[in-house]
Protein backbone atom coordinates (compact mmCIF):
# COMPACT_ATOMS: atom_id res chain seq x y z
CA MET A 1 -19.74 -2.19 8.65
CA PRO A 2 -16.84 -0.41 6.65
CA THR A 3 -13.64 -2.30 6.35
CA LYS A 4 -9.98 -0.59 6.12
CA GLN A 5 -9.71 -2.07 2.35
CA THR A 6 -10.50 0.06 -0.06
CA GLN A 7 -12.27 -1.01 -3.44
CA ALA A 8 -12.24 0.86 -6.25
CA VAL A 9 -15.50 2.35 -8.09
CA GLY A 10 -17.43 -0.53 -9.72
CA GLY A 11 -16.75 -3.30 -7.08
CA ASP A 12 -13.27 -4.23 -8.64
CA SER A 13 -10.44 -4.18 -6.20
CA ALA A 14 -7.49 -2.17 -6.94
CA PRO A 15 -3.89 -2.22 -5.46
CA PRO A 16 -3.44 0.23 -2.63
CA VAL A 17 -1.97 3.81 -3.55
CA LEU A 18 -0.84 4.30 0.23
CA LEU A 19 0.48 1.78 2.52
CA THR A 20 0.21 1.44 6.16
CA LEU A 21 3.30 1.02 8.06
CA ALA A 22 2.74 -3.07 8.15
CA GLU A 23 2.11 -3.00 4.45
CA ALA A 24 5.28 -0.92 3.42
CA ALA A 25 6.90 -3.18 6.03
CA SER A 26 5.64 -6.31 4.37
CA LEU A 27 6.63 -5.25 0.91
CA CYS A 28 10.42 -4.79 1.93
CA ARG A 29 9.78 -8.68 3.60
CA THR A 30 10.80 -7.03 7.40
CA SER A 31 8.80 -6.39 10.29
CA PRO A 32 6.80 -3.20 11.37
CA ARG A 33 9.41 -2.92 14.41
CA THR A 34 12.46 -2.79 11.80
CA TRP A 35 10.18 -0.45 9.48
CA ARG A 36 9.86 1.93 12.11
CA SER A 37 13.83 2.00 13.14
CA TRP A 38 14.60 2.38 9.56
CA ASP A 39 12.17 5.23 9.18
CA ALA A 40 13.54 7.00 12.24
CA ALA A 41 17.03 6.52 10.97
CA GLY A 42 16.41 7.82 7.51
CA ARG A 43 16.68 4.60 5.54
CA VAL A 44 13.17 4.58 3.96
CA PRO A 45 11.34 7.30 2.16
CA ARG A 46 9.57 10.06 3.77
CA ALA A 47 6.11 9.16 4.71
CA ILE A 48 2.83 11.19 3.96
CA ARG A 49 1.11 12.08 7.43
CA ILE A 50 -2.76 12.22 7.42
CA GLY A 51 -3.88 13.02 11.10
CA ARG A 52 -1.48 11.04 13.55
CA THR A 53 -1.28 8.33 10.69
CA LYS A 54 1.96 7.82 8.42
CA LEU A 55 1.34 6.13 4.95
CA TRP A 56 3.87 5.55 2.48
CA ARG A 57 3.29 5.87 -1.71
CA ALA A 58 3.23 2.36 -2.88
CA ALA A 59 4.67 3.64 -6.62
CA GLU A 60 7.30 5.45 -4.31
CA LEU A 61 8.19 2.49 -2.42
CA THR A 62 8.45 0.44 -5.30
CA ALA A 63 10.77 2.99 -7.52
CA TRP A 64 13.21 3.52 -4.09
CA ILE A 65 13.08 -0.64 -4.22
CA ALA A 66 14.07 -0.83 -7.87
CA ALA A 67 16.72 2.31 -6.96
CA GLY A 68 18.81 0.11 -4.63
CA CYS A 69 17.12 1.36 -1.65
CA PRO A 70 19.20 4.67 -1.14
CA ARG A 71 19.21 6.52 2.32
CA ARG A 72 16.27 9.23 2.92
CA ALA A 73 18.91 12.10 2.14
CA HIS A 74 20.07 10.38 -1.26
CA TRP A 75 16.35 9.49 -2.38
CA GLN A 76 14.24 12.03 -4.67
CA TRP A 77 10.87 11.79 -5.55
CA PRO A 78 9.59 12.00 -8.23
CA THR A 79 12.57 11.57 -10.20
CA PRO A 80 13.66 14.84 -11.98
CA ILE A 81 12.83 13.12 -15.36
CA ALA A 82 9.58 11.90 -14.12
CA ALA A 83 8.33 15.13 -12.96
CA ASN A 84 9.12 16.88 -16.41
CA GLU A 85 7.29 14.67 -18.41
CA PRO A 86 3.93 15.46 -19.79
């Protein structure tokens, strides 16, 4: 039976590219309920919707944390410098 955990080709496990609500909340050491509240208030980066599921980019959350967790209105992903790199 397949599990929700994904594995890279060749059987090596790789860190997830997209995080669920629970995983994103855990990354920020908060509860899923608080994460939902922050999302509704625009305090976290915008999620990607796949069907009815909301997922957050792991790389974006890491960069957002490194930038000091700015509100969504002040956050830009990818950063203009990173977008122009070859």
